[in-house]
Amino acid sequence: MSAILDRGSLLFASLAALAASLLSGAGGRNFSFYMPLLVLAAVYVPGTLVLSNLLARLGALGMVFQRDYSSLLTCAAMAWAAVQVPLVLARWTAPLPVFAGLALLGLLYFLVLMFLAVRTVFGIGNGMAAAVVALSWIPVVAVGLLWGPLHFLFGWLASPFFLFFAYYYLGSELSGLGAGLRRGQNFRRMLEAAAINPHDAEAQYQLGLIYQQRHRYTEAIRHFEKAVAIDPGETDAHFQLGRIAREQGRLKDALAHFQMVVDQNEAHSMNEVLRELGAVYLAARQYADARHELAVFVERRPYDPEGLYYYGQALEGSGDTTAARHAYDAAVEAARTAPRYRRRLVARWSRLAAKAKKKGAGGK
């Protein structure tokens, strides 16, 4: 999916999906082999975008459509084509019961590919991407219930007459929806060209961020390490290397990178380096060190639910259950009073704090 975003083409993906549908025997009088692509473009992908925005709070819906619609549609069309190719062969060679079983497996495979597409395009976590894909069937089912009138409408939309006038009158708007993928590809090409310069640490750092968002951590680490090799004072690259190392459980490496960030700028990323450093100490069960770092962070950012939860964990690990209970209460309150657009993002820490209070410090 990352390679599709870097080098893919919406035109090629659309033609591949059309060809796969035609070979599968879906063609009919009313251009019905267009239907899978039309459903993807007009129903499934917009529905998935809306669900992703509702669950992950990606930003203004119009901006998300402009930025990510063409990227997600390209990935979805390629996924559909990839699923159809083996099913075409099975349709020609396998008995009907075997083909029915393979079609079900094909549907599951498509959902897996869409999970990877959603995670890569939006840079969201596994749980959130799985939730989006699990709910993405809702608009498709709605279309199925209204298939009678919609079949006529989709057939009309697929007619050359309508496509010509749509392109003539709405060409700029349609090209705007497809510009997001092109802008991303052009930006990455410019970064790769700049990265040829052996003294440009910033280009390496930006490339690392792209791969990190796509969960391609091996490539992200390689570019971040190149950035710090060029410029040891590239604090942002050290910070991201520390975050990746902590996620992967490499606590010693994470500690080294975060300590480097603290040495260079203790208030880096709005003091979040102190929270990350405290979380590393907490994972290593060094509760005294975690308590020290997190106490400084909480003093500077007293309304951060994640930091307050970690602080409560450090206090509880140190045996101060009363203070831990207060920290958990503060985490729950901070999440409850957070701005509306952030409440969904910080709800996890509220739940964890409430659970920790009930299970440990709060039960004493």
Protein backbone atom coordinates (compact mmCIF):
# COMPACT_ATOMS: atom_id res chain seq x y z
CA MET A 1 0.00 0.00 0.00
CA SER A 2 2.88 2.35 0.71
CA ALA A 3 4.34 1.62 -2.72
CA ILE A 4 0.93 2.33 -4.30
CA LEU A 5 0.84 5.71 -2.56
CA ASP A 6 4.36 6.50 -3.78
CA ARG A 7 4.13 5.31 -7.37
CA GLY A 8 0.51 4.37 -8.02
CA SER A 9 -1.89 5.93 -10.48
CA LEU A 10 -5.64 6.35 -10.03
CA LEU A 11 -6.11 5.83 -13.79
CA PHE A 12 -4.18 2.56 -13.77
CA ALA A 13 -5.99 1.35 -10.65
CA SER A 14 -9.38 2.17 -12.18
CA LEU A 15 -8.54 0.38 -15.43
CA ALA A 16 -7.27 -2.63 -13.48
CA ALA A 17 -10.52 -2.80 -11.49
CA LEU A 18 -12.61 -2.48 -14.67
CA ALA A 19 -10.61 -5.16 -16.43
CA ALA A 20 -10.90 -7.53 -13.48
CA SER A 21 -14.66 -6.99 -13.29
CA LEU A 22 -15.03 -7.55 -17.05
CA LEU A 23 -12.99 -10.77 -16.94
CA SER A 24 -15.00 -12.02 -13.99
CA GLY A 25 -18.09 -12.06 -16.20
CA ALA A 26 -19.80 -9.06 -14.64
CA GLY A 27 -20.28 -7.28 -17.96
CA GLY A 28 -23.80 -6.93 -19.27
CA ARG A 29 -26.04 -4.72 -21.30
CA ASN A 30 -26.03 -1.71 -19.03
CA PHE A 31 -22.29 -1.45 -18.53
CA SER A 32 -22.67 -3.45 -15.32
CA PHE A 33 -18.95 -4.22 -15.27
CA TYR A 34 -18.58 -0.56 -14.22
CA MET A 35 -20.65 -1.18 -11.11
CA PRO A 36 -17.92 -2.41 -8.73
CA LEU A 37 -15.73 0.60 -9.49
CA LEU A 38 -18.69 2.99 -9.24
CA VAL A 39 -19.70 1.53 -5.89
CA LEU A 40 -16.13 1.87 -4.67
CA ALA A 41 -15.82 5.46 -5.90
CA ALA A 42 -19.29 6.73 -4.96
CA VAL A 43 -20.17 4.70 -1.86
CA TYR A 44 -17.48 2.58 -0.23
CA VAL A 45 -14.52 4.94 -0.28
CA PRO A 46 -16.52 8.06 0.74
CA GLY A 47 -18.17 6.04 3.50
CA THR A 48 -14.78 4.79 4.72
CA LEU A 49 -13.46 8.35 4.69
CA VAL A 50 -16.38 9.60 6.75
CA LEU A 51 -16.01 6.74 9.25
CA SER A 52 -12.26 7.33 9.53
CA ASN A 53 -12.85 11.01 10.20
CA LEU A 54 -15.53 10.32 12.79
CA LEU A 55 -13.48 7.75 14.69
CA ALA A 56 -9.97 9.17 14.33
CA ARG A 57 -10.75 12.92 14.17
CA LEU A 58 -8.60 13.56 11.10
CA GLY A 59 -9.75 17.15 10.60
CA ALA A 60 -12.35 19.02 8.58
CA LEU A 61 -14.21 16.57 6.35
CA GLY A 62 -13.76 18.68 3.22
CA MET A 63 -10.01 18.86 3.77
CA VAL A 64 -9.83 15.10 4.36
CA PHE A 65 -11.66 14.45 1.08
CA GLN A 66 -9.36 16.78 -0.83
CA ARG A 67 -6.26 15.22 0.69
CA ASP A 68 -7.04 11.51 0.93
CA TYR A 69 -9.93 10.56 -1.38
CA SER A 70 -7.83 9.78 -4.45
CA SER A 71 -5.21 7.95 -2.36
CA LEU A 72 -7.78 5.71 -0.69
CA LEU A 73 -9.67 5.09 -3.94
CA THR A 74 -6.44 4.09 -5.68
CA CYS A 75 -5.63 1.61 -2.91
CA ALA A 76 -9.21 0.29 -2.86
CA ALA A 77 -9.33 -0.20 -6.64
CA MET A 78 -5.98 -2.02 -6.60
CA ALA A 79 -7.20 -4.18 -3.71
CA TRP A 80 -10.38 -5.04 -5.64
CA ALA A 81 -8.36 -5.98 -8.73
CA ALA A 82 -5.98 -8.10 -6.63
CA VAL A 83 -8.92 -10.02 -5.17
CA GLN A 84 -10.65 -10.52 -8.54
CA VAL A 85 -7.68 -11.96 -10.45
CA PRO A 86 -7.55 -15.32 -8.60
CA LEU A 87 -11.37 -15.44 -8.51
CA VAL A 88 -11.44 -15.11 -12.31
CA LEU A 89 -9.22 -18.18 -12.59
CA ALA A 90 -11.35 -20.04 -10.04
CA ARG A 91 -14.55 -19.14 -11.91
CA TRP A 92 -13.15 -20.76 -15.04
CA THR A 93 -11.73 -23.88 -13.41
CA ALA A 94 -13.28 -24.67 -10.01
CA PRO A 95 -16.63 -26.31 -9.22
CA LEU A 96 -19.36 -23.98 -8.00
CA PRO A 97 -19.13 -24.91 -4.26
CA VAL A 98 -15.36 -24.40 -4.32
CA PHE A 99 -15.78 -21.09 -6.11
CA ALA A 100 -18.32 -19.93 -3.49
CA GLY A 101 -15.84 -20.70 -0.70
CA LEU A 102 -13.07 -18.90 -2.55
CA ALA A 103 -15.35 -15.88 -3.09
CA LEU A 104 -15.88 -15.67 0.68
CA LEU A 105 -12.13 -15.86 1.24
CA GLY A 106 -11.74 -13.17 -1.41
CA LEU A 107 -14.08 -10.88 0.51
CA LEU A 108 -12.07 -11.43 3.70
CA TYR A 109 -8.86 -10.76 1.79
CA PHE A 110 -10.31 -7.51 0.46
CA LEU A 111 -11.12 -6.42 4.02
CA VAL A 112 -7.55 -7.22 5.09
CA LEU A 113 -6.20 -5.15 2.21
CA MET A 114 -8.54 -2.30 3.11
CA PHE A 115 -7.36 -2.48 6.72
CA LEU A 116 -3.80 -2.01 5.47
CA ALA A 117 -4.93 0.78 3.12
CA VAL A 118 -6.77 2.70 5.85
CA ARG A 119 -3.84 2.33 8.24
CA THR A 120 -1.35 3.47 5.61
CA VAL A 121 -3.33 6.35 4.10
CA PHE A 122 -4.45 7.90 7.39
CA GLY A 123 -1.56 6.80 9.62
CA ILE A 124 -3.92 5.56 12.35
CA GLY A 125 -3.40 2.65 14.71
CA ASN A 126 -4.34 -0.98 14.15
CA GLY A 127 -7.39 -0.90 16.42
CA MET A 128 -8.82 2.23 14.83
CA ALA A 129 -8.20 0.93 11.29
CA ALA A 130 -9.87 -2.39 12.15
CA ALA A 131 -12.89 -0.55 13.56
CA VAL A 132 -13.21 1.56 10.40
CA VAL A 133 -13.07 -1.48 8.11
CA ALA A 134 -15.47 -3.42 10.34
CA LEU A 135 -18.03 -0.63 9.95
CA SER A 136 -17.33 0.09 6.27
CA TRP A 137 -19.94 -2.48 5.19
CA ILE A 138 -22.76 -0.22 6.43
CA PRO A 139 -22.94 2.09 3.35
CA VAL A 140 -22.60 -0.92 1.04
CA VAL A 141 -25.52 -2.68 2.75
CA ALA A 142 -27.55 0.52 2.45
CA VAL A 143 -26.85 0.55 -1.28
CA GLY A 144 -27.86 -3.11 -1.50
CA LEU A 145 -31.22 -2.35 0.10
CA LEU A 146 -31.81 0.44 -2.42
CA TRP A 147 -30.25 -1.37 -5.36
CA GLY A 148 -33.30 -1.08 -7.62
CA PRO A 149 -33.27 2.70 -8.13
CA LEU A 150 -29.52 2.97 -7.57
CA HIS A 151 -28.77 0.41 -10.30
CA PHE A 152 -30.49 2.69 -12.79
CA LEU A 153 -28.67 5.72 -11.39
CA PHE A 154 -25.25 4.05 -11.51
CA GLY A 155 -25.89 2.84 -15.03
CA TRP A 156 -26.73 6.39 -16.03
CA LEU A 157 -23.61 7.73 -14.29
CA ALA A 158 -21.50 5.21 -16.21
CA SER A 159 -22.81 6.32 -19.60
CA PRO A 160 -20.28 8.05 -21.88
CA PHE A 161 -22.76 10.92 -22.36
CA PHE A 162 -22.85 11.74 -18.66
CA LEU A 163 -19.10 11.22 -18.18
CA PHE A 164 -18.36 13.69 -20.98
CA PHE A 165 -20.54 16.45 -19.51
CA ALA A 166 -19.37 15.71 -15.97
CA TYR A 167 -15.78 16.16 -17.08
CA TYR A 168 -16.67 19.27 -19.09
CA TYR A 169 -18.55 21.05 -16.31
CA LEU A 170 -16.97 19.54 -13.18
CA GLY A 171 -13.46 18.89 -14.44
CA SER A 172 -11.75 21.24 -11.97
CA GLU A 173 -13.62 19.81 -8.97
CA LEU A 174 -12.92 16.23 -10.03
CA SER A 175 -9.25 16.99 -10.63
CA GLY A 176 -9.14 18.59 -7.19
CA LEU A 177 -10.26 15.31 -5.61
CA GLY A 178 -7.43 13.54 -7.45
CA ALA A 179 -4.79 16.10 -6.56
CA GLY A 180 -4.09 14.73 -3.08
CA LEU A 181 -2.31 11.64 -4.36
CA ARG A 182 -0.29 13.63 -6.89
CA ARG A 183 0.76 16.21 -4.29
CA GLY A 184 1.93 13.49 -1.92
CA GLN A 185 3.92 11.78 -4.66
CA ASN A 186 5.49 15.05 -5.83
CA PHE A 187 6.40 15.99 -2.25
CA ARG A 188 8.09 12.65 -1.67
CA ARG A 189 10.01 12.90 -4.96
CA MET A 190 11.27 16.35 -3.97
CA LEU A 191 12.35 15.02 -0.59
CA GLU A 192 14.19 12.11 -2.20
CA ALA A 193 15.93 14.53 -4.55
CA ALA A 194 16.91 16.73 -1.60
CA ALA A 195 18.08 13.67 0.35
CA ILE A 196 20.79 13.10 -2.26
CA ASN A 197 22.55 16.05 -0.63
CA PRO A 198 24.77 14.37 2.03
CA HIS A 199 24.41 17.43 4.30
CA ASP A 200 20.60 17.76 4.28
CA ALA A 201 19.41 16.22 7.56
CA GLU A 202 15.95 17.81 7.30
CA ALA A 203 15.10 15.93 4.08
CA GLN A 204 16.03 12.64 5.73
CA TYR A 205 13.89 13.54 8.75
CA GLN A 206 10.85 14.38 6.60
CA LEU A 207 11.17 11.11 4.69
CA GLY A 208 11.36 9.30 8.01
CA LEU A 209 8.10 10.94 9.10
CA ILE A 210 6.34 9.73 5.93
CA TYR A 211 7.41 6.12 6.54
CA GLN A 212 6.61 6.37 10.25
CA GLN A 213 3.05 7.50 9.48
CA ARG A 214 2.68 4.50 7.19
CA HIS A 215 3.94 2.13 9.92
CA ARG A 216 7.01 1.20 7.85
CA TYR A 217 9.31 1.49 10.81
CA THR A 218 12.41 -0.09 9.24
CA GLU A 219 12.57 2.59 6.55
CA ALA A 220 11.62 5.31 9.07
CA ILE A 221 14.45 4.29 11.40
CA ARG A 222 16.91 4.26 8.50
CA HIS A 223 16.07 7.84 7.49
CA PHE A 224 16.00 9.15 11.07
CA GLU A 225 19.40 7.56 11.72
CA LYS A 226 20.76 9.18 8.55
CA ALA A 227 19.43 12.52 9.81
CA VAL A 228 21.23 12.25 13.17
CA ALA A 229 24.37 10.96 11.45
CA ILE A 230 24.40 14.11 9.30
CA ASP A 231 23.48 16.38 12.20
CA PRO A 232 23.75 14.96 15.76
CA GLY A 233 21.78 18.01 16.88
CA GLU A 234 18.69 16.94 14.90
CA THR A 235 16.54 16.74 18.02
CA ASP A 236 13.33 15.83 16.22
CA ALA A 237 14.92 12.73 14.67
CA HIS A 238 16.21 11.56 18.07
CA PHE A 239 12.72 12.07 19.50
CA GLN A 240 11.06 9.97 16.79
CA LEU A 241 13.70 7.25 17.09
CA GLY A 242 12.96 7.13 20.80
CA ARG A 243 9.21 6.83 20.20
CA ILE A 244 9.65 3.99 17.71
CA ALA A 245 12.07 2.19 20.05
CA ARG A 246 9.60 2.48 22.94
CA GLU A 247 6.75 1.11 20.80
CA GLN A 248 8.96 -1.81 19.78
CA GLY A 249 10.03 -2.53 23.37
CA ARG A 250 13.67 -1.55 22.86
CA LEU A 251 13.79 0.37 26.12
CA LYS A 252 17.57 0.83 26.23
CA ASP A 253 17.60 2.45 22.77
CA ALA A 254 14.54 4.56 23.62
CA LEU A 255 16.18 5.78 26.82
CA ALA A 256 19.35 6.76 24.96
CA HIS A 257 17.46 8.76 22.33
CA PHE A 258 15.15 10.50 24.80
CA GLN A 259 18.07 11.36 27.06
CA MET A 260 19.81 12.91 24.04
CA VAL A 261 16.68 15.01 23.40
CA VAL A 262 16.56 16.14 27.05
CA ASP A 263 20.22 17.11 26.91
CA GLN A 264 19.58 19.20 23.80
CA ASN A 265 16.19 20.67 24.75
CA GLU A 266 14.36 19.60 27.89
CA ALA A 267 11.13 21.28 26.75
CA HIS A 268 11.13 19.61 23.32
CA SER A 269 7.72 19.01 21.73
CA MET A 270 5.89 20.95 24.45
CA ASN A 271 7.70 18.92 27.15
CA GLU A 272 6.42 15.63 25.73
CA VAL A 273 9.93 14.21 25.81
CA LEU A 274 9.65 14.16 29.61
CA ARG A 275 6.41 12.16 29.36
CA GLU A 276 8.01 9.73 26.92
CA LEU A 277 11.10 9.38 29.08
CA GLY A 278 8.94 8.73 32.12
CA ALA A 279 6.99 6.08 30.20
CA VAL A 280 10.25 4.31 29.31
CA TYR A 281 11.33 4.28 32.96
CA LEU A 282 7.86 3.04 33.88
CA ALA A 283 8.10 0.16 31.40
CA ALA A 284 11.52 -0.71 32.87
CA ARG A 285 9.98 -0.65 36.38
CA GLN A 286 12.32 2.15 37.44
CA TYR A 287 9.53 3.83 39.35
CA ALA A 288 11.63 6.44 41.15
CA ASP A 289 13.10 7.74 37.87
CA ALA A 290 9.69 7.63 36.19
CA ARG A 291 8.15 9.54 39.10
CA HIS A 292 10.81 12.25 38.87
CA GLU A 293 10.42 12.84 35.11
CA LEU A 294 6.63 12.65 35.16
CA ALA A 295 6.34 14.99 38.13
CA VAL A 296 8.15 17.67 36.13
CA PHE A 297 5.94 16.99 33.09
CA VAL A 298 2.70 17.13 35.10
CA GLU A 299 3.81 20.37 36.73
CA ARG A 300 4.32 21.91 33.30
CA ARG A 301 1.27 20.33 31.65
CA PRO A 302 -1.22 19.57 34.43
CA TYR A 303 -4.12 18.78 32.08
CA ASP A 304 -2.55 16.04 29.95
CA PRO A 305 -4.51 12.79 30.60
CA GLU A 306 -1.76 10.52 29.27
CA GLY A 307 0.91 12.10 31.45
CA LEU A 308 -1.35 12.01 34.51
CA TYR A 309 -2.09 8.33 33.95
CA TYR A 310 1.62 7.50 33.66
CA TYR A 311 2.28 9.60 36.76
CA GLY A 312 -0.34 7.63 38.66
CA GLN A 313 1.32 4.39 37.55
CA ALA A 314 4.72 5.64 38.75
CA LEU A 315 3.27 6.72 42.10
CA GLU A 316 1.50 3.41 42.54
CA GLY A 317 4.67 1.53 41.66
CA SER A 318 6.51 3.56 44.29
CA GLY A 319 3.93 2.59 46.91
CA ASP A 320 2.20 5.99 47.20
CA THR A 321 -1.34 4.79 46.53
CA THR A 322 -3.05 7.91 47.86
CA ALA A 323 -1.18 10.20 45.48
CA ALA A 324 -1.71 7.68 42.67
CA ARG A 325 -5.47 7.81 43.26
CA HIS A 326 -5.41 11.60 42.98
CA ALA A 327 -3.40 11.36 39.74
CA TYR A 328 -5.92 8.91 38.26
CA ASP A 329 -8.79 11.21 39.26
CA ALA A 330 -6.98 14.13 37.62
CA ALA A 331 -6.50 12.09 34.42
CA VAL A 332 -10.21 11.28 34.25
CA GLU A 333 -11.15 14.91 34.88
CA ALA A 334 -8.62 16.20 32.33
CA ALA A 335 -10.10 13.90 29.67
CA ARG A 336 -13.66 14.89 30.60
CA THR A 337 -12.92 18.63 30.35
CA ALA A 338 -10.73 18.42 27.24
CA PRO A 339 -11.85 20.35 24.15
CA ARG A 340 -14.53 18.48 22.24
CA TYR A 341 -12.25 17.68 19.28
CA ARG A 342 -9.72 16.04 21.63
CA ARG A 343 -12.03 14.00 23.84
CA ARG A 344 -12.07 10.98 21.60
CA LEU A 345 -8.27 11.09 21.33
CA VAL A 346 -7.72 11.13 25.10
CA ALA A 347 -10.62 8.87 26.11
CA ARG A 348 -8.28 5.89 26.26
CA TRP A 349 -6.28 7.39 29.12
CA SER A 350 -9.44 8.19 31.03
CA ARG A 351 -10.57 4.57 30.77
CA LEU A 352 -7.17 3.24 31.80
CA ALA A 353 -6.99 5.62 34.76
CA ALA A 354 -10.45 4.66 35.98
CA LYS A 355 -9.60 0.97 35.62
CA ALA A 356 -6.27 1.37 37.43
CA LYS A 357 -7.91 3.27 40.27
CA LYS A 358 -10.59 0.62 40.70
CA LYS A 359 -8.14 -2.28 40.48
CA GLY A 360 -5.20 -0.95 42.44
CA ALA A 361 -4.80 2.35 44.24
CA GLY A 362 -8.48 3.14 44.42
CA GLY A 363 -9.40 -0.14 46.02
CA LYS A 364 -7.27 0.44 49.12
